[in-house]
Amino acid sequence: MTTSPVPNGQTPTSQTPTGQMMSDAKPVPIQTTPLQGLPQGRHFWSLLGPGFVVAVGYVDPGNWATDIAAGSQFGFALLSAVLIACIAGVFIQTLIVRLTLATGRDLAALIRERFPKPVAMVVWAVSELAMVATDLAELLGSAIALKLLFGIPILWGVLISAVATFAILLMPGLRGRAPEMIISALMCVVVICFASELLITKPDVGLMAAGLVPTLELARDPEMLYLSLGIIGATVMPHNLFLHSGLVRSRLAACGDDLDRRRAARILTIDLGAALALAGLVNGSILAVAAVAFQGAAAAGATPGIEDAYALLGSSIGSGAALIFAVALLAAGQSSTATGTMAGQIVTEGFLGLRLSPLVRGVVTRSAALVPALAILWHADDSSVDALLVFSQVVLALTLPFILVPMLLMLRNRDLMGVLAMNPMTLRFASLTVALLTGLSGWLAGTTAIA
């Protein structure tokens, strides 16, 4: 079990001086079990898992909505946007792995310790807002699935989803990794469901392969460009950055040996690449199924939402396909709600130095997400769900730069990164990626809000 010489909630001796954006002091290493003390096979298997938990955020209900819209309107043409989104996600999450291994601290704790207190508190407040927005979107996704499967009203579905999340996070056993195992199993359900959907709908493989190649038409057509940017912009989400950092730290926060760190970075990158490749396949499958089953609806001038997609699948492909779709949505939504609460716990502990039980943290985040959702649904009806989902995505787009920029500043600090410091070319590419994602997030938020 990982132990730290620094008491929880206290800042180590390398305190950030007031008025400086970041301290050059080296991080205090956290004592962990050295990798070389274990058999090589155990190295690999003991580190696996964070990537597959994080991958859940790449197939959340927000991604479903964009993929369905893209496939129904433009067929397979925007599969290239899914591919680019997957590559961007792998790159950004790899940066988080390196930062965590180099410092032995999770992202939230690093921002608290290495930036002036006013800056850290602003980032904390924005991060909590992002956690609430994430929670809101995932709760609604699960509630939609419960309505489709069992006819449960959205209002009750939100409450059931919240209770189910508490149950997952409080599961004992497996050395504290039971929630991760359950979430990974739910992710596997999503993958199997959409593999089945592809077998049922039988999309043209040649057209799918052609769609993976970007064309100039993506930039010329405003609607194609908007949906492409929406697909890419929905990949990197604030809660995934904190979640991944916390999960990596829980396995190997820091090692005394440089070789251990490099080896851990390789293993965790393999874990991440495999997991996000599966997430990319799921998103591509959602788009492909929509391209086969929903283009008639788009031709008639209607872009189907998630509930519309379920009905169209039932009428055009069959009730079996519609049922599989709903089961996959429930698995994706419920696993996403659990990861959102896990990320919220990491944010609170890292920024405030507080250690809360999963139940207490879950109550806090769930209450913040449930209050606006229930208030609106109580006075309106289920049709307000789409407006709430759009609102949550706007909030996430606006909050992302507040987390990406501090992350980039720390990655550029070679003294902080030590043996895992990146070469200048990689750093320039990281800076360009963060700048593009920041601009994209602001543009999407503004465009969506105006619409």
Protein backbone atom coordinates (compact mmCIF):
# COMPACT_ATOMS: atom_id res chain seq x y z
CA MET A 1 0.00 0.00 0.00
CA THR A 2 1.29 3.46 -0.90
CA THR A 3 2.29 5.66 2.02
CA SER A 4 3.36 9.27 2.05
CA PRO A 5 5.81 11.03 4.38
CA VAL A 6 3.74 14.15 3.92
CA PRO A 7 0.62 14.18 6.14
CA ASN A 8 -2.58 14.27 4.12
CA GLY A 9 -3.80 17.80 3.69
CA GLN A 10 -0.40 19.45 4.37
CA THR A 11 1.88 21.05 1.85
CA PRO A 12 5.38 19.58 1.60
CA THR A 13 8.47 21.64 2.28
CA SER A 14 8.75 22.57 -1.40
CA GLN A 15 6.06 25.20 -0.91
CA THR A 16 5.28 27.56 -3.78
CA PRO A 17 6.51 31.05 -2.87
CA THR A 18 3.83 33.71 -2.89
CA GLY A 19 3.69 35.60 -6.17
CA GLN A 20 5.34 32.92 -8.26
CA MET A 21 3.30 30.91 -10.72
CA MET A 22 5.26 27.73 -9.94
CA SER A 23 8.03 26.71 -7.63
CA ASP A 24 11.25 25.17 -8.95
CA ALA A 25 11.56 23.03 -5.83
CA LYS A 26 11.69 19.31 -6.48
CA PRO A 27 8.68 17.28 -5.40
CA VAL A 28 8.88 15.18 -2.27
CA PRO A 29 9.01 11.52 -3.38
CA ILE A 30 6.35 9.18 -2.06
CA GLN A 31 7.50 5.81 -0.82
CA THR A 32 6.15 2.90 -2.83
CA THR A 33 6.98 -0.74 -3.38
CA PRO A 34 9.82 -0.86 -5.95
CA LEU A 35 8.93 -2.56 -9.18
CA GLN A 36 12.08 -4.63 -9.28
CA GLY A 37 10.97 -6.36 -6.08
CA LEU A 38 8.16 -8.14 -7.90
CA PRO A 39 8.17 -10.75 -10.67
CA GLN A 40 8.05 -9.15 -14.12
CA GLY A 41 4.57 -10.53 -14.84
CA ARG A 42 3.18 -8.94 -11.70
CA HIS A 43 4.63 -5.59 -12.78
CA PHE A 44 2.40 -5.59 -15.80
CA TRP A 45 -0.84 -6.86 -14.30
CA SER A 46 -0.61 -4.82 -11.10
CA LEU A 47 -0.44 -1.57 -13.08
CA LEU A 48 -3.24 -2.29 -15.55
CA GLY A 49 -6.65 -0.72 -15.12
CA PRO A 50 -6.52 3.09 -15.06
CA GLY A 51 -6.82 3.37 -18.85
CA PHE A 52 -9.95 1.22 -18.99
CA VAL A 53 -11.65 3.21 -16.22
CA VAL A 54 -10.77 6.49 -17.95
CA ALA A 55 -12.00 5.13 -21.31
CA VAL A 56 -15.54 5.13 -19.91
CA GLY A 57 -15.56 8.92 -20.20
CA TYR A 58 -14.97 8.59 -23.94
CA VAL A 59 -18.24 6.72 -24.49
CA ASP A 60 -20.51 8.78 -22.22
CA PRO A 61 -23.98 9.98 -23.35
CA GLY A 62 -22.53 13.26 -24.65
CA ASN A 63 -20.38 11.33 -27.13
CA TRP A 64 -23.38 9.23 -28.14
CA ALA A 65 -25.38 12.32 -29.09
CA THR A 66 -22.63 13.70 -31.35
CA ASP A 67 -21.88 10.35 -32.96
CA ILE A 68 -25.56 9.73 -33.72
CA ALA A 69 -25.94 13.19 -35.25
CA ALA A 70 -22.77 12.76 -37.34
CA GLY A 71 -23.71 9.31 -38.66
CA SER A 72 -27.33 10.16 -39.41
CA GLN A 73 -26.44 13.33 -41.33
CA PHE A 74 -23.20 12.44 -43.11
CA GLY A 75 -22.92 8.65 -43.12
CA PHE A 76 -19.38 7.40 -42.53
CA ALA A 77 -17.65 10.64 -43.55
CA LEU A 78 -16.90 11.75 -39.98
CA LEU A 79 -15.22 8.55 -38.86
CA SER A 80 -11.99 10.48 -39.43
CA ALA A 81 -13.02 12.89 -36.66
CA VAL A 82 -13.50 9.91 -34.30
CA LEU A 83 -9.99 8.69 -35.17
CA ILE A 84 -8.44 12.13 -34.58
CA ALA A 85 -10.33 12.43 -31.29
CA CYS A 86 -8.99 9.06 -30.14
CA ILE A 87 -5.40 10.01 -30.98
CA ALA A 88 -5.74 13.37 -29.19
CA GLY A 89 -7.20 11.64 -26.15
CA VAL A 90 -4.36 9.13 -25.95
CA PHE A 91 -1.78 11.91 -26.20
CA ILE A 92 -3.29 14.14 -23.48
CA GLN A 93 -3.90 11.25 -21.08
CA THR A 94 -0.32 10.04 -21.65
CA LEU A 95 0.89 13.45 -20.50
CA ILE A 96 -1.07 12.99 -17.26
CA VAL A 97 0.58 9.59 -16.72
CA ARG A 98 4.07 11.09 -17.11
CA LEU A 99 3.32 14.03 -14.81
CA THR A 100 1.96 11.74 -12.08
CA LEU A 101 4.83 9.26 -12.27
CA ALA A 102 7.43 12.05 -12.29
CA THR A 103 6.07 13.83 -9.24
CA GLY A 104 4.32 11.17 -7.20
CA ARG A 105 1.34 13.49 -6.84
CA ASP A 106 -2.05 13.59 -8.50
CA LEU A 107 -3.00 16.58 -10.65
CA ALA A 108 -5.23 18.26 -8.06
CA ALA A 109 -2.59 18.05 -5.31
CA LEU A 110 0.08 19.33 -7.70
CA ILE A 111 -1.92 22.42 -8.61
CA ARG A 112 -2.58 23.12 -4.91
CA GLU A 113 1.09 22.75 -3.98
CA ARG A 114 2.83 24.44 -6.92
CA PHE A 115 0.65 27.47 -7.68
CA PRO A 116 -0.26 30.50 -5.55
CA LYS A 117 -3.26 29.85 -3.32
CA PRO A 118 -5.64 32.24 -5.16
CA VAL A 119 -4.84 30.54 -8.47
CA ALA A 120 -5.25 27.07 -6.98
CA MET A 121 -8.58 28.00 -5.40
CA VAL A 122 -9.92 29.33 -8.71
CA VAL A 123 -8.90 26.12 -10.46
CA TRP A 124 -10.49 24.12 -7.63
CA ALA A 125 -13.80 26.00 -7.92
CA VAL A 126 -13.84 25.54 -11.70
CA SER A 127 -12.96 21.86 -11.32
CA GLU A 128 -15.83 21.30 -8.88
CA LEU A 129 -18.17 22.95 -11.37
CA ALA A 130 -16.90 20.55 -14.05
CA MET A 131 -17.51 17.60 -11.72
CA VAL A 132 -21.11 18.68 -11.20
CA ALA A 133 -21.67 19.12 -14.95
CA THR A 134 -20.18 15.69 -15.60
CA ASP A 135 -22.37 14.15 -12.93
CA LEU A 136 -25.46 15.77 -14.38
CA ALA A 137 -24.83 14.46 -17.91
CA GLU A 138 -24.05 10.92 -16.80
CA LEU A 139 -27.05 10.71 -14.47
CA LEU A 140 -29.33 11.77 -17.29
CA GLY A 141 -27.77 9.21 -19.65
CA SER A 142 -28.52 6.38 -17.24
CA ALA A 143 -32.02 7.73 -16.63
CA ILE A 144 -32.76 7.75 -20.37
CA ALA A 145 -31.65 4.11 -20.60
CA LEU A 146 -33.89 3.11 -17.67
CA LYS A 147 -36.81 4.83 -19.38
CA LEU A 148 -36.17 3.01 -22.65
CA LEU A 149 -35.75 -0.39 -20.98
CA PHE A 150 -38.37 -0.27 -18.24
CA GLY A 151 -40.53 2.79 -18.90
CA ILE A 152 -39.27 4.48 -15.71
CA PRO A 153 -39.79 8.28 -15.79
CA ILE A 154 -36.59 10.32 -16.10
CA LEU A 155 -37.08 11.85 -12.65
CA TRP A 156 -37.07 8.44 -10.93
CA GLY A 157 -34.35 7.15 -13.25
CA VAL A 158 -31.99 9.91 -12.06
CA LEU A 159 -32.57 8.89 -8.43
CA ILE A 160 -32.09 5.17 -9.17
CA SER A 161 -28.86 5.89 -11.03
CA ALA A 162 -27.52 7.91 -8.10
CA VAL A 163 -28.27 5.12 -5.63
CA ALA A 164 -26.67 2.52 -7.93
CA THR A 165 -23.50 4.61 -8.09
CA PHE A 166 -23.23 4.64 -4.31
CA ALA A 167 -23.52 0.85 -4.31
CA ILE A 168 -20.70 0.47 -6.86
CA LEU A 169 -18.33 2.83 -5.04
CA LEU A 170 -18.91 1.18 -1.67
CA MET A 171 -18.21 -2.34 -2.95
CA PRO A 172 -15.60 -4.05 -0.74
CA GLY A 173 -12.93 -6.51 -1.75
CA LEU A 174 -10.27 -6.91 -4.43
CA ARG A 175 -7.90 -4.71 -2.38
CA GLY A 176 -10.03 -1.65 -2.95
CA ARG A 177 -10.22 -2.15 -6.72
CA ALA A 178 -13.74 -3.58 -6.82
CA PRO A 179 -15.26 -0.36 -8.28
CA GLU A 180 -12.63 -0.35 -11.04
CA MET A 181 -13.38 -3.99 -11.86
CA ILE A 182 -17.13 -3.33 -12.04
CA ILE A 183 -16.65 -0.23 -14.19
CA SER A 184 -14.32 -2.14 -16.54
CA ALA A 185 -16.91 -4.93 -16.78
CA LEU A 186 -19.59 -2.39 -17.71
CA MET A 187 -17.24 -1.02 -20.36
CA CYS A 188 -16.91 -4.53 -21.76
CA VAL A 189 -20.71 -4.76 -21.93
CA VAL A 190 -20.76 -1.59 -24.06
CA VAL A 191 -18.10 -3.01 -26.40
CA ILE A 192 -19.93 -6.33 -26.80
CA CYS A 193 -23.25 -4.59 -27.40
CA PHE A 194 -21.92 -2.45 -30.23
CA ALA A 195 -20.01 -5.34 -31.75
CA SER A 196 -23.41 -7.05 -31.89
CA GLU A 197 -25.00 -3.93 -33.40
CA LEU A 198 -22.41 -3.94 -36.18
CA LEU A 199 -23.13 -7.59 -36.92
CA ILE A 200 -26.86 -6.80 -37.13
CA THR A 201 -26.63 -3.61 -39.22
CA LYS A 202 -23.75 -4.86 -41.45
CA PRO A 203 -22.28 -1.49 -42.53
CA ASP A 204 -20.20 -1.38 -45.70
CA VAL A 205 -16.58 -2.02 -44.66
CA GLY A 206 -15.18 -0.18 -47.69
CA LEU A 207 -17.19 2.96 -46.92
CA MET A 208 -16.12 2.79 -43.30
CA ALA A 209 -12.45 2.57 -44.28
CA ALA A 210 -12.87 5.53 -46.64
CA GLY A 211 -14.47 7.54 -43.83
CA LEU A 212 -11.32 7.21 -41.73
CA VAL A 213 -9.45 9.44 -44.20
CA PRO A 214 -10.02 13.20 -43.62
CA THR A 215 -11.18 15.17 -46.67
CA LEU A 216 -11.35 18.87 -47.57
CA GLU A 217 -15.12 18.59 -47.39
CA LEU A 218 -14.84 18.54 -43.61
CA ALA A 219 -13.58 22.12 -43.66
CA ARG A 220 -15.84 23.33 -46.45
CA ASP A 221 -19.16 22.19 -45.03
CA PRO A 222 -20.02 24.23 -41.88
CA GLU A 223 -22.25 21.51 -40.42
CA MET A 224 -19.64 18.80 -41.00
CA LEU A 225 -17.00 21.02 -39.44
CA TYR A 226 -19.20 21.73 -36.42
CA LEU A 227 -19.91 18.04 -35.79
CA SER A 228 -16.26 17.11 -36.34
CA LEU A 229 -15.15 19.66 -33.78
CA GLY A 230 -17.89 18.46 -31.46
CA ILE A 231 -16.60 14.88 -31.66
CA ILE A 232 -13.02 16.01 -31.00
CA GLY A 233 -14.03 18.46 -28.28
CA ALA A 234 -15.95 15.79 -26.38
CA THR A 235 -12.88 13.58 -25.96
CA VAL A 236 -10.77 15.34 -23.34
CA MET A 237 -12.95 16.01 -20.32
CA PRO A 238 -11.80 17.65 -17.05
CA HIS A 239 -12.85 14.78 -14.81
CA ASN A 240 -10.82 12.28 -16.86
CA LEU A 241 -7.61 14.24 -16.25
CA PHE A 242 -8.06 14.16 -12.48
CA LEU A 243 -9.34 10.59 -12.48
CA HIS A 244 -6.45 9.19 -14.50
CA SER A 245 -3.90 10.99 -12.37
CA GLY A 246 -5.45 9.67 -9.16
CA LEU A 247 -5.68 6.10 -10.44
CA VAL A 248 -2.05 6.10 -11.58
CA ARG A 249 -0.94 7.45 -8.22
CA SER A 250 -2.86 4.73 -6.42
CA ARG A 251 -0.70 2.12 -8.18
CA LEU A 252 2.69 3.73 -8.41
CA ALA A 253 2.95 7.34 -7.27
CA ALA A 254 6.74 7.42 -7.47
CA CYS A 255 9.72 5.08 -7.42
CA GLY A 256 13.20 5.54 -6.16
CA ASP A 257 14.61 4.06 -9.33
CA ASP A 258 14.49 5.86 -12.70
CA LEU A 259 14.22 2.58 -14.58
CA ASP A 260 11.09 1.75 -12.59
CA ARG A 261 9.45 5.00 -13.63
CA ARG A 262 10.22 4.49 -17.29
CA ARG A 263 8.95 0.91 -17.15
CA ALA A 264 5.76 2.00 -15.39
CA ALA A 265 5.23 4.75 -17.98
CA ARG A 266 5.47 2.18 -20.79
CA ILE A 267 3.05 -0.24 -19.13
CA LEU A 268 0.51 2.47 -18.31
CA THR A 269 0.75 3.82 -21.86
CA ILE A 270 -0.01 0.35 -23.24
CA ASP A 271 -2.96 0.13 -20.84
CA LEU A 272 -4.21 3.53 -21.98
CA GLY A 273 -3.70 2.91 -25.69
CA ALA A 274 -5.59 -0.39 -25.61
CA ALA A 275 -8.45 1.09 -23.58
CA LEU A 276 -8.91 4.21 -25.71
CA ALA A 277 -8.66 2.14 -28.87
CA LEU A 278 -11.69 0.20 -27.62
CA ALA A 279 -13.45 3.48 -26.78
CA GLY A 280 -12.69 4.75 -30.27
CA LEU A 281 -14.13 1.56 -31.77
CA VAL A 282 -17.31 2.05 -29.72
CA ASN A 283 -17.69 5.65 -30.89
CA GLY A 284 -17.01 4.61 -34.46
CA SER A 285 -19.58 1.82 -34.11
CA ILE A 286 -22.22 4.24 -32.80
CA LEU A 287 -21.57 6.49 -35.80
CA ALA A 288 -21.64 3.54 -38.22
CA VAL A 289 -24.90 2.17 -36.82
CA ALA A 290 -26.43 5.64 -37.12
CA ALA A 291 -25.18 5.90 -40.69
CA VAL A 292 -26.96 2.67 -41.63
CA ALA A 293 -30.14 3.00 -39.60
CA PHE A 294 -30.88 6.73 -39.31
CA GLN A 295 -29.99 8.39 -42.61
CA GLY A 296 -33.61 8.26 -43.68
CA ALA A 297 -34.60 10.36 -40.68
CA ALA A 298 -31.84 12.89 -41.41
CA ALA A 299 -32.95 13.11 -45.04
CA ALA A 300 -36.41 14.01 -43.79
CA GLY A 301 -34.89 16.96 -41.92
CA ALA A 302 -34.84 15.50 -38.40
CA THR A 303 -31.66 14.74 -36.47
CA PRO A 304 -32.45 11.94 -34.02
CA GLY A 305 -31.56 12.25 -30.34
CA ILE A 306 -30.77 9.28 -28.13
CA GLU A 307 -34.43 8.37 -27.50
CA ASP A 308 -35.26 8.89 -31.19
CA ALA A 309 -32.35 6.61 -32.11
CA TYR A 310 -33.79 3.84 -29.95
CA ALA A 311 -37.19 4.11 -31.67
CA LEU A 312 -35.66 4.27 -35.15
CA LEU A 313 -33.51 1.21 -34.49
CA GLY A 314 -36.59 -0.71 -33.44
CA SER A 315 -38.54 0.28 -36.55
CA SER A 316 -35.75 0.00 -39.14
CA ILE A 317 -33.54 -2.84 -37.85
CA GLY A 318 -35.59 -4.68 -35.25
CA SER A 319 -36.48 -4.78 -31.56
CA GLY A 320 -33.35 -6.81 -30.78
CA ALA A 321 -31.08 -4.04 -32.04
CA ALA A 322 -33.04 -1.45 -30.07
CA LEU A 323 -32.77 -3.51 -26.88
CA ILE A 324 -29.00 -3.93 -27.29
CA PHE A 325 -28.71 -0.17 -27.85
CA ALA A 326 -30.55 0.56 -24.58
CA VAL A 327 -28.51 -1.97 -22.59
CA ALA A 328 -25.29 -0.41 -23.91
CA LEU A 329 -26.55 3.07 -22.97
CA LEU A 330 -27.34 1.92 -19.44
CA ALA A 331 -23.90 0.32 -19.03
CA ALA A 332 -22.15 3.40 -20.43
CA GLY A 333 -24.21 5.83 -18.37
CA GLN A 334 -23.91 3.96 -15.08
CA SER A 335 -20.18 3.39 -15.43
CA SER A 336 -19.72 7.06 -16.31
CA THR A 337 -21.62 8.20 -13.22
CA ALA A 338 -19.32 6.08 -11.04
CA THR A 339 -16.14 7.47 -12.63
CA GLY A 340 -17.49 11.01 -12.27
CA THR A 341 -17.91 10.54 -8.53
CA MET A 342 -14.46 8.93 -8.24
CA ALA A 343 -12.96 11.95 -10.01
CA GLY A 344 -14.84 14.29 -7.68
CA GLN A 345 -13.34 12.57 -4.66
CA ILE A 346 -9.84 12.99 -6.10
CA VAL A 347 -10.49 16.70 -6.73
CA THR A 348 -11.69 17.36 -3.18
CA GLU A 349 -8.86 15.43 -1.54
CA GLY A 350 -6.19 16.97 -3.77
CA PHE A 351 -7.22 20.61 -3.64
CA LEU A 352 -8.42 20.79 -0.04
CA GLY A 353 -6.35 18.09 1.57
CA LEU A 354 -9.53 16.44 2.82
CA ARG A 355 -10.04 12.72 2.79
CA LEU A 356 -13.72 11.89 2.42
CA SER A 357 -15.34 8.49 2.27
CA PRO A 358 -16.86 7.54 -1.10
CA LEU A 359 -20.31 7.82 0.47
CA VAL A 360 -19.78 11.38 1.76
CA ARG A 361 -18.16 12.53 -1.47
CA GLY A 362 -20.89 10.88 -3.51
CA VAL A 363 -23.59 12.62 -1.50
CA VAL A 364 -21.90 15.99 -2.06
CA THR A 365 -21.49 15.65 -5.82
CA ARG A 366 -24.79 13.87 -6.34
CA SER A 367 -26.64 16.58 -4.42
CA ALA A 368 -25.05 19.31 -6.52
CA ALA A 369 -26.04 17.53 -9.74
CA LEU A 370 -29.43 16.31 -8.58
CA VAL A 371 -30.78 19.64 -7.32
CA PRO A 372 -30.83 21.44 -10.72
CA ALA A 373 -31.85 18.27 -12.59
CA LEU A 374 -34.75 17.46 -10.28
CA ALA A 375 -35.87 21.09 -10.06
CA ILE A 376 -36.14 21.38 -13.83
CA LEU A 377 -37.68 17.94 -14.35
CA TRP A 378 -40.20 18.53 -11.56
CA HIS A 379 -41.54 21.69 -13.19
CA ALA A 380 -41.15 20.54 -16.79
CA ASP A 381 -41.17 17.09 -18.37
CA ASP A 382 -38.79 14.64 -19.97
CA SER A 383 -38.31 16.94 -22.96
CA SER A 384 -36.04 19.12 -20.81
CA VAL A 385 -33.40 16.37 -20.74
CA ASP A 386 -31.82 17.47 -24.03
CA ALA A 387 -31.50 21.06 -22.78
CA LEU A 388 -29.80 19.83 -19.59
CA LEU A 389 -27.37 17.70 -21.59
CA VAL A 390 -26.46 20.66 -23.81
CA PHE A 391 -25.98 22.85 -20.74
CA SER A 392 -23.64 20.33 -19.12
CA GLN A 393 -21.50 20.11 -22.28
CA VAL A 394 -21.18 23.91 -22.46
CA VAL A 395 -19.98 23.99 -18.85
CA LEU A 396 -17.41 21.27 -19.52
CA ALA A 397 -16.09 23.08 -22.59
CA LEU A 398 -15.64 26.30 -20.62
CA THR A 399 -13.86 24.64 -17.70
CA LEU A 400 -11.37 22.49 -19.64
CA PRO A 401 -8.73 25.24 -20.27
CA PHE A 402 -8.49 25.97 -16.53
CA ILE A 403 -7.11 22.46 -16.03
CA LEU A 404 -5.11 22.03 -19.24
CA VAL A 405 -3.01 25.19 -18.85
CA PRO A 406 -1.66 24.44 -15.32
CA MET A 407 -0.95 20.88 -16.46
CA LEU A 408 1.08 22.16 -19.41
CA LEU A 409 3.06 24.61 -17.26
CA MET A 410 4.12 21.80 -14.94
CA LEU A 411 5.03 19.51 -17.85
CA ARG A 412 7.38 22.22 -19.12
CA ASN A 413 9.25 22.33 -15.79
CA ARG A 414 12.21 20.02 -16.37
CA ASP A 415 13.28 20.07 -12.72
CA LEU A 416 9.82 18.87 -11.73
CA MET A 417 9.64 16.18 -14.41
CA GLY A 418 13.13 14.84 -13.80
CA VAL A 419 13.92 11.66 -15.72
CA LEU A 420 10.46 11.74 -17.38
CA ALA A 421 10.95 15.23 -18.82
CA MET A 422 9.86 15.38 -22.46
CA ASN A 423 11.99 16.47 -25.40
CA PRO A 424 11.43 19.95 -26.89
CA MET A 425 9.55 18.61 -29.93
CA THR A 426 7.04 16.72 -27.77
CA LEU A 427 6.60 19.77 -25.55
CA ARG A 428 5.87 21.97 -28.55
CA PHE A 429 3.32 19.45 -29.79
CA ALA A 430 1.78 19.34 -26.30
CA SER A 431 1.56 23.15 -26.25
CA LEU A 432 -0.07 23.18 -29.69
CA THR A 433 -2.57 20.48 -28.65
CA VAL A 434 -3.52 22.35 -25.48
CA ALA A 435 -3.89 25.61 -27.43
CA LEU A 436 -6.11 23.93 -30.04
CA LEU A 437 -8.26 22.19 -27.41
CA THR A 438 -8.60 25.44 -25.46
CA GLY A 439 -9.68 27.37 -28.54
CA LEU A 440 -11.97 24.55 -29.61
CA SER A 441 -13.61 24.34 -26.19
CA GLY A 442 -14.31 28.08 -26.12
CA TRP A 443 -15.66 28.08 -29.68
CA LEU A 444 -17.92 25.10 -29.08
CA ALA A 445 -19.23 26.56 -25.82
CA GLY A 446 -20.01 29.88 -27.47
CA THR A 447 -21.62 28.30 -30.52
CA THR A 448 -23.72 25.89 -28.47
CA ALA A 449 -24.84 28.60 -26.06
CA ILE A 450 -25.92 30.87 -28.94
CA ALA A 451 -27.75 28.00 -30.63
